[in-house]
Amino acid sequence: QVRLVESGGGLVQPGGSLRLSCAASGSIFSFNDIGWYRQAPGKQRELVATVTREGSTNYADSMKGRFTITRDNAKNTVYLQMNSLKPEDTAVYYCSGLLPFSSRSWGQGTQVTVSS
């Protein structure tokens, strides 16, 4: 089982930026896809952005143009650059990866709070 560890969350003002990191204990190429989901209080967990092994990216419509997912293969790390943050982006952000013939793996989550 590959372990995923998120970092980079915190408190930011509306319009600000944050970069989240997800470090995998093994090769990120082990995953069919790896990326970010989020869960706000009282809401269901939702997709933010993912990247496939082949490098294709997928974003939720509300994040397109504001969030960018990238990966550093040598560091086995996936990043989420978040710009123009809004209060409604406040949530726990989870890193998640899908291994072949297995269930999705999840990190412990990192809190992002957008507030003035």
C-alpha atoms as a PDB file:
ATOM      1  CA  GLN A   1       0.000   0.000   0.000  1.00  0.00           C
ATOM      2  CA  VAL A   2       1.401   3.387  -1.016  1.00  0.00           C
ATOM      3  CA  ARG A   3       1.095   6.099   1.608  1.00  0.00           C
ATOM      4  CA  LEU A   4       0.053   9.631   0.676  1.00  0.00           C
ATOM      5  CA  VAL A   5       0.950  12.625   2.859  1.00  0.00           C
ATOM      6  CA  GLU A   6      -0.460  16.088   2.218  1.00  0.00           C
ATOM      7  CA  SER A   7       1.014  19.401   3.315  1.00  0.00           C
ATOM      8  CA  GLY A   8       0.686  23.097   2.557  1.00  0.00           C
ATOM      9  CA  GLY A   9      -2.750  23.926   3.890  1.00  0.00           C
ATOM     10  CA  GLY A  10      -3.480  26.945   6.037  1.00  0.00           C
ATOM     11  CA  LEU A  11      -5.336  30.212   6.361  1.00  0.00           C
ATOM     12  CA  VAL A  12      -5.351  32.589   3.410  1.00  0.00           C
ATOM     13  CA  GLN A  13      -7.287  35.729   2.550  1.00  0.00           C
ATOM     14  CA  PRO A  14      -9.765  35.804  -0.330  1.00  0.00           C
ATOM     15  CA  GLY A  15      -7.907  36.302  -3.588  1.00  0.00           C
ATOM     16  CA  GLY A  16      -4.766  34.711  -2.190  1.00  0.00           C
ATOM     17  CA  SER A  17      -2.846  31.617  -3.231  1.00  0.00           C
ATOM     18  CA  LEU A  18      -1.681  28.366  -1.684  1.00  0.00           C
ATOM     19  CA  ARG A  19       0.237  25.376  -2.977  1.00  0.00           C
ATOM     20  CA  LEU A  20      -0.590  21.956  -1.619  1.00  0.00           C
ATOM     21  CA  SER A  21       1.830  19.052  -1.836  1.00  0.00           C
ATOM     22  CA  CYS A  22       1.155  15.320  -1.792  1.00  0.00           C
ATOM     23  CA  ALA A  23       4.152  13.086  -1.234  1.00  0.00           C
ATOM     24  CA  ALA A  24       3.771   9.415  -2.107  1.00  0.00           C
ATOM     25  CA  SER A  25       5.803   6.730  -0.335  1.00  0.00           C
ATOM     26  CA  GLY A  26       6.297   4.983  -3.665  1.00  0.00           C
ATOM     27  CA  SER A  27       6.337   5.840  -7.333  1.00  0.00           C
ATOM     28  CA  ILE A  28       3.426   8.015  -8.441  1.00  0.00           C
ATOM     29  CA  PHE A  29       3.508   6.027 -11.684  1.00  0.00           C
ATOM     30  CA  SER A  30       2.032   3.187  -9.655  1.00  0.00           C
ATOM     31  CA  PHE A  31      -1.269   5.032  -9.785  1.00  0.00           C
ATOM     32  CA  ASN A  32      -3.694   4.979 -12.677  1.00  0.00           C
ATOM     33  CA  ASP A  33      -4.505   8.503 -11.541  1.00  0.00           C
ATOM     34  CA  ILE A  34      -3.588  10.684  -8.581  1.00  0.00           C
ATOM     35  CA  GLY A  35      -4.935  14.024  -7.481  1.00  0.00           C
ATOM     36  CA  TRP A  36      -7.002  16.080  -5.134  1.00  0.00           C
ATOM     37  CA  TYR A  37     -10.463  15.968  -3.654  1.00  0.00           C
ATOM     38  CA  ARG A  38     -12.000  18.231  -1.053  1.00  0.00           C
ATOM     39  CA  GLN A  39     -14.740  18.120   1.548  1.00  0.00           C
ATOM     40  CA  ALA A  40     -16.358  21.183   3.046  1.00  0.00           C
ATOM     41  CA  PRO A  41     -18.344  21.026   6.303  1.00  0.00           C
ATOM     42  CA  GLY A  42     -21.736  19.448   5.727  1.00  0.00           C
ATOM     43  CA  LYS A  43     -20.966  18.615   2.106  1.00  0.00           C
ATOM     44  CA  GLN A  44     -19.922  15.537   0.184  1.00  0.00           C
ATOM     45  CA  ARG A  45     -16.359  14.990  -0.902  1.00  0.00           C
ATOM     46  CA  GLU A  46     -15.808  16.300  -4.428  1.00  0.00           C
ATOM     47  CA  LEU A  47     -13.219  16.112  -7.148  1.00  0.00           C
ATOM     48  CA  VAL A  48     -10.790  19.008  -7.456  1.00  0.00           C
ATOM     49  CA  ALA A  49      -8.228  17.814  -9.996  1.00  0.00           C
ATOM     50  CA  THR A  50      -6.468  14.639 -11.054  1.00  0.00           C
ATOM     51  CA  VAL A  51      -3.636  13.636 -13.362  1.00  0.00           C
ATOM     52  CA  THR A  52      -3.324  10.256 -15.019  1.00  0.00           C
ATOM     53  CA  ARG A  53      -0.196   8.173 -15.429  1.00  0.00           C
ATOM     54  CA  GLU A  54      -0.059   9.402 -19.021  1.00  0.00           C
ATOM     55  CA  GLY A  55      -0.242  13.026 -17.880  1.00  0.00           C
ATOM     56  CA  SER A  56      -3.824  13.891 -18.742  1.00  0.00           C
ATOM     57  CA  THR A  57      -5.457  16.277 -16.309  1.00  0.00           C
ATOM     58  CA  ASN A  58      -9.052  16.624 -15.196  1.00  0.00           C
ATOM     59  CA  TYR A  59     -10.493  19.542 -13.261  1.00  0.00           C
ATOM     60  CA  ALA A  60     -13.826  20.279 -11.667  1.00  0.00           C
ATOM     61  CA  ASP A  61     -15.500  23.092 -13.567  1.00  0.00           C
ATOM     62  CA  SER A  62     -15.378  25.509 -10.627  1.00  0.00           C
ATOM     63  CA  MET A  63     -11.587  25.119 -10.346  1.00  0.00           C
ATOM     64  CA  LYS A  64     -10.676  25.480 -14.006  1.00  0.00           C
ATOM     65  CA  GLY A  65      -8.496  28.510 -14.570  1.00  0.00           C
ATOM     66  CA  ARG A  66      -7.773  28.955 -10.866  1.00  0.00           C
ATOM     67  CA  PHE A  67      -6.199  25.648  -9.818  1.00  0.00           C
ATOM     68  CA  THR A  68      -3.341  23.793 -11.493  1.00  0.00           C
ATOM     69  CA  ILE A  69      -2.226  20.248 -10.791  1.00  0.00           C
ATOM     70  CA  THR A  70       1.358  19.287 -11.503  1.00  0.00           C
ATOM     71  CA  ARG A  71       3.686  16.480 -10.555  1.00  0.00           C
ATOM     72  CA  ASP A  72       7.383  15.993  -9.892  1.00  0.00           C
ATOM     73  CA  ASN A  73       8.114  12.428 -10.887  1.00  0.00           C
ATOM     74  CA  ALA A  74      11.582  12.419  -9.341  1.00  0.00           C
ATOM     75  CA  LYS A  75      10.162  13.457  -5.971  1.00  0.00           C
ATOM     76  CA  ASN A  76       7.026  11.295  -6.259  1.00  0.00           C
ATOM     77  CA  THR A  77       5.050  14.398  -5.376  1.00  0.00           C
ATOM     78  CA  VAL A  78       1.894  15.931  -6.778  1.00  0.00           C
ATOM     79  CA  TYR A  79       1.112  19.608  -6.302  1.00  0.00           C
ATOM     80  CA  LEU A  80      -2.025  21.699  -6.405  1.00  0.00           C
ATOM     81  CA  GLN A  81      -1.455  25.389  -7.059  1.00  0.00           C
ATOM     82  CA  MET A  82      -4.544  27.306  -5.966  1.00  0.00           C
ATOM     83  CA  ASN A  83      -4.954  30.925  -7.031  1.00  0.00           C
ATOM     84  CA  SER A  84      -7.762  33.465  -6.637  1.00  0.00           C
ATOM     85  CA  LEU A  85      -9.050  31.591  -3.625  1.00  0.00           C
ATOM     86  CA  LYS A  86     -12.613  32.173  -2.491  1.00  0.00           C
ATOM     87  CA  PRO A  87     -14.292  31.558   0.869  1.00  0.00           C
ATOM     88  CA  GLU A  88     -16.204  28.690  -0.744  1.00  0.00           C
ATOM     89  CA  ASP A  89     -12.878  26.938  -1.367  1.00  0.00           C
ATOM     90  CA  THR A  90     -12.621  26.372   2.379  1.00  0.00           C
ATOM     91  CA  ALA A  91     -12.439  22.622   2.949  1.00  0.00           C
ATOM     92  CA  VAL A  92     -10.242  19.718   3.906  1.00  0.00           C
ATOM     93  CA  TYR A  93      -8.221  18.802   0.836  1.00  0.00           C
ATOM     94  CA  TYR A  94      -7.340  15.157   0.351  1.00  0.00           C
ATOM     95  CA  CYS A  95      -4.763  13.571  -1.882  1.00  0.00           C
ATOM     96  CA  SER A  96      -5.979  10.384  -3.495  1.00  0.00           C
ATOM     97  CA  GLY A  97      -4.554   7.813  -5.844  1.00  0.00           C
ATOM     98  CA  LEU A  98      -6.053   4.844  -7.646  1.00  0.00           C
ATOM     99  CA  LEU A  99      -3.830   1.789  -7.859  1.00  0.00           C
ATOM    100  CA  PRO A 100      -4.521  -0.881 -10.506  1.00  0.00           C
ATOM    101  CA  PHE A 101      -6.906  -3.628  -9.310  1.00  0.00           C
ATOM    102  CA  SER A 102      -7.266  -1.859  -5.973  1.00  0.00           C
ATOM    103  CA  SER A 103      -9.405   0.638  -4.148  1.00  0.00           C
ATOM    104  CA  ARG A 104      -8.568   4.321  -4.007  1.00  0.00           C
ATOM    105  CA  SER A 105      -5.954   5.330  -1.426  1.00  0.00           C
ATOM    106  CA  TRP A 106      -6.367   8.513   0.617  1.00  0.00           C
ATOM    107  CA  GLY A 107      -4.150  10.815   2.588  1.00  0.00           C
ATOM    108  CA  GLN A 108      -5.083  12.254   5.953  1.00  0.00           C
ATOM    109  CA  GLY A 109      -6.117  15.614   4.510  1.00  0.00           C
ATOM    110  CA  THR A 110      -4.986  19.187   4.971  1.00  0.00           C
ATOM    111  CA  GLN A 111      -7.215  22.087   5.998  1.00  0.00           C
ATOM    112  CA  VAL A 112      -7.555  25.103   3.732  1.00  0.00           C
ATOM    113  CA  THR A 113      -9.400  28.101   5.155  1.00  0.00           C
ATOM    114  CA  VAL A 114     -10.120  31.154   3.019  1.00  0.00           C
ATOM    115  CA  SER A 115     -11.208  34.045   5.192  1.00  0.00           C
ATOM    116  CA  SER A 116     -10.489  37.685   5.835  1.00  0.00           C
END
